[in-house]
N, C-alpha and C. Protein backbone atom coordinates (compact mmCIF):
# COMPACT_ATOMS: atom_id res chain seq x y z
N UNK A 1 -2.78 -44.77 7.93
CA UNK A 1 -3.54 -44.45 6.73
C UNK A 1 -3.88 -42.96 6.69
N UNK A 2 -4.31 -42.41 7.80
CA UNK A 2 -4.65 -40.98 7.84
C UNK A 2 -3.43 -40.12 7.55
N UNK A 3 -2.28 -40.50 8.08
CA UNK A 3 -1.05 -39.75 7.82
C UNK A 3 -0.71 -39.79 6.34
N UNK A 4 -0.86 -40.94 5.73
CA UNK A 4 -0.57 -41.10 4.30
C UNK A 4 -1.47 -40.20 3.46
N UNK A 5 -2.76 -40.20 3.77
CA UNK A 5 -3.71 -39.37 3.03
C UNK A 5 -3.41 -37.89 3.25
N UNK A 6 -3.09 -37.52 4.47
CA UNK A 6 -2.75 -36.13 4.77
C UNK A 6 -1.51 -35.70 4.00
N UNK A 7 -0.50 -36.56 3.96
CA UNK A 7 0.72 -36.25 3.20
C UNK A 7 0.41 -36.07 1.72
N UNK A 8 -0.41 -36.94 1.16
CA UNK A 8 -0.80 -36.81 -0.25
C UNK A 8 -1.54 -35.50 -0.49
N UNK A 9 -2.45 -35.16 0.39
CA UNK A 9 -3.21 -33.92 0.24
C UNK A 9 -2.28 -32.71 0.31
N UNK A 10 -1.33 -32.75 1.22
CA UNK A 10 -0.37 -31.64 1.34
C UNK A 10 0.42 -31.46 0.05
N UNK A 11 0.86 -32.56 -0.54
CA UNK A 11 1.62 -32.50 -1.79
C UNK A 11 0.73 -32.04 -2.95
N UNK A 12 -0.49 -32.53 -2.98
CA UNK A 12 -1.42 -32.23 -4.07
C UNK A 12 -1.85 -30.77 -4.03
N UNK A 13 -2.03 -30.24 -2.83
CA UNK A 13 -2.54 -28.88 -2.69
C UNK A 13 -1.45 -27.84 -2.46
N UNK A 14 -0.21 -28.20 -2.72
CA UNK A 14 0.91 -27.28 -2.45
C UNK A 14 0.75 -25.95 -3.17
N UNK A 15 0.17 -25.96 -4.36
CA UNK A 15 0.02 -24.72 -5.12
C UNK A 15 -1.32 -24.02 -4.85
N UNK A 16 -2.12 -24.59 -3.99
CA UNK A 16 -3.44 -24.02 -3.70
C UNK A 16 -3.42 -23.39 -2.31
N UNK A 17 -3.54 -22.07 -2.27
CA UNK A 17 -3.45 -21.39 -0.98
C UNK A 17 -4.75 -20.72 -0.54
N UNK A 18 -5.56 -20.30 -1.48
CA UNK A 18 -6.82 -19.67 -1.11
C UNK A 18 -7.97 -20.67 -1.25
N UNK A 19 -9.09 -20.31 -0.68
CA UNK A 19 -10.28 -21.17 -0.78
C UNK A 19 -10.62 -21.41 -2.25
N UNK A 20 -10.58 -20.36 -3.06
CA UNK A 20 -10.92 -20.47 -4.48
C UNK A 20 -9.94 -21.39 -5.21
N UNK A 21 -8.66 -21.30 -4.86
CA UNK A 21 -7.66 -22.16 -5.51
C UNK A 21 -7.86 -23.62 -5.12
N UNK A 22 -8.21 -23.87 -3.86
CA UNK A 22 -8.47 -25.25 -3.42
C UNK A 22 -9.67 -25.81 -4.18
N UNK A 23 -10.73 -25.02 -4.28
CA UNK A 23 -11.92 -25.47 -5.01
C UNK A 23 -11.56 -25.75 -6.47
N UNK A 24 -10.78 -24.85 -7.09
CA UNK A 24 -10.40 -25.06 -8.48
C UNK A 24 -9.53 -26.30 -8.63
N UNK A 25 -8.65 -26.58 -7.67
CA UNK A 25 -7.83 -27.80 -7.72
C UNK A 25 -8.71 -29.05 -7.70
N UNK A 26 -9.73 -29.03 -6.86
CA UNK A 26 -10.65 -30.18 -6.79
C UNK A 26 -11.42 -30.32 -8.10
N UNK A 27 -11.93 -29.21 -8.62
CA UNK A 27 -12.67 -29.25 -9.89
C UNK A 27 -11.76 -29.74 -11.01
N UNK A 28 -10.55 -29.23 -11.06
CA UNK A 28 -9.58 -29.65 -12.09
C UNK A 28 -9.36 -31.15 -12.02
N UNK A 29 -9.08 -31.66 -10.84
CA UNK A 29 -8.82 -33.10 -10.68
C UNK A 29 -10.03 -33.92 -11.11
N UNK A 30 -11.22 -33.54 -10.66
CA UNK A 30 -12.42 -34.30 -11.00
C UNK A 30 -12.73 -34.22 -12.49
N UNK A 31 -12.57 -33.05 -13.08
CA UNK A 31 -12.83 -32.88 -14.51
C UNK A 31 -11.91 -33.77 -15.34
N UNK A 32 -10.63 -33.72 -15.04
CA UNK A 32 -9.66 -34.52 -15.80
C UNK A 32 -9.97 -36.01 -15.65
N UNK A 33 -10.38 -36.42 -14.46
CA UNK A 33 -10.65 -37.84 -14.23
C UNK A 33 -11.86 -38.37 -14.99
N UNK A 34 -12.79 -37.51 -15.38
CA UNK A 34 -13.97 -38.00 -16.11
C UNK A 34 -13.81 -37.93 -17.62
N UNK A 35 -12.69 -37.39 -18.08
CA UNK A 35 -12.45 -37.34 -19.53
C UNK A 35 -12.17 -38.74 -20.07
N UNK A 36 -12.48 -38.99 -21.34
CA UNK A 36 -12.08 -40.26 -21.96
C UNK A 36 -10.55 -40.40 -21.85
N UNK A 37 -10.09 -41.63 -21.81
CA UNK A 37 -8.68 -41.90 -21.52
C UNK A 37 -7.70 -41.12 -22.39
N UNK A 38 -7.91 -41.09 -23.70
CA UNK A 38 -6.98 -40.39 -24.58
C UNK A 38 -6.97 -38.89 -24.30
N UNK A 39 -8.14 -38.32 -24.11
CA UNK A 39 -8.23 -36.89 -23.81
C UNK A 39 -7.61 -36.59 -22.45
N UNK A 40 -7.86 -37.47 -21.48
CA UNK A 40 -7.29 -37.29 -20.14
C UNK A 40 -5.77 -37.26 -20.20
N UNK A 41 -5.18 -38.21 -20.92
CA UNK A 41 -3.73 -38.26 -21.05
C UNK A 41 -3.21 -37.01 -21.74
N UNK A 42 -3.87 -36.60 -22.81
CA UNK A 42 -3.44 -35.43 -23.59
C UNK A 42 -3.49 -34.17 -22.72
N UNK A 43 -4.59 -34.00 -21.98
CA UNK A 43 -4.73 -32.82 -21.13
C UNK A 43 -3.69 -32.84 -20.01
N UNK A 44 -3.51 -33.99 -19.36
CA UNK A 44 -2.53 -34.08 -18.27
C UNK A 44 -1.11 -33.77 -18.75
N UNK A 45 -0.78 -34.21 -19.96
CA UNK A 45 0.56 -33.96 -20.50
C UNK A 45 0.83 -32.46 -20.65
N UNK A 46 -0.22 -31.67 -20.81
CA UNK A 46 -0.07 -30.23 -20.98
C UNK A 46 -0.09 -29.48 -19.65
N UNK A 47 -0.29 -30.20 -18.56
CA UNK A 47 -0.22 -29.68 -17.20
C UNK A 47 -1.00 -28.37 -17.00
N UNK A 48 -2.31 -28.44 -17.17
CA UNK A 48 -3.12 -27.23 -16.96
C UNK A 48 -3.01 -26.76 -15.52
N UNK A 49 -3.03 -25.45 -15.35
CA UNK A 49 -2.90 -24.86 -14.02
C UNK A 49 -4.24 -24.50 -13.41
N UNK A 50 -5.32 -24.65 -14.18
CA UNK A 50 -6.65 -24.34 -13.65
C UNK A 50 -7.68 -25.22 -14.36
N UNK A 51 -8.86 -25.29 -13.77
CA UNK A 51 -9.93 -26.07 -14.40
C UNK A 51 -10.35 -25.42 -15.72
N UNK A 52 -10.32 -24.10 -15.76
CA UNK A 52 -10.66 -23.39 -17.00
C UNK A 52 -9.68 -23.76 -18.12
N UNK A 53 -8.40 -23.78 -17.79
CA UNK A 53 -7.39 -24.14 -18.79
C UNK A 53 -7.58 -25.59 -19.24
N UNK A 54 -7.90 -26.48 -18.30
CA UNK A 54 -8.14 -27.88 -18.65
C UNK A 54 -9.35 -28.00 -19.57
N UNK A 55 -10.39 -27.22 -19.31
CA UNK A 55 -11.57 -27.24 -20.16
C UNK A 55 -11.25 -26.78 -21.57
N UNK A 56 -10.45 -25.74 -21.69
CA UNK A 56 -10.06 -25.25 -23.01
C UNK A 56 -9.22 -26.29 -23.74
N UNK A 57 -8.31 -26.93 -23.03
CA UNK A 57 -7.50 -27.98 -23.65
C UNK A 57 -8.39 -29.13 -24.13
N UNK A 58 -9.33 -29.54 -23.29
CA UNK A 58 -10.22 -30.65 -23.66
C UNK A 58 -11.04 -30.30 -24.89
N UNK A 59 -11.50 -29.06 -24.98
CA UNK A 59 -12.26 -28.63 -26.16
C UNK A 59 -11.41 -28.67 -27.42
N UNK A 60 -10.12 -28.39 -27.28
CA UNK A 60 -9.21 -28.38 -28.43
C UNK A 60 -8.68 -29.76 -28.79
N UNK A 61 -8.96 -30.75 -27.94
CA UNK A 61 -8.45 -32.10 -28.20
C UNK A 61 -9.06 -32.69 -29.44
């Protein structure tokens, strides 16, 4: 189980190299997960690269 979780984290955080990027990846994931379903799907389809971009997309939804 630990290996599986570690592998998932490695894949999920592949684009996050600095402390700030890791924090933003976590914020992005959590933010998208609390959006209403339709907004969540719409934002995910646009593949935001940061939590700020996801926030702007959600506001425009």
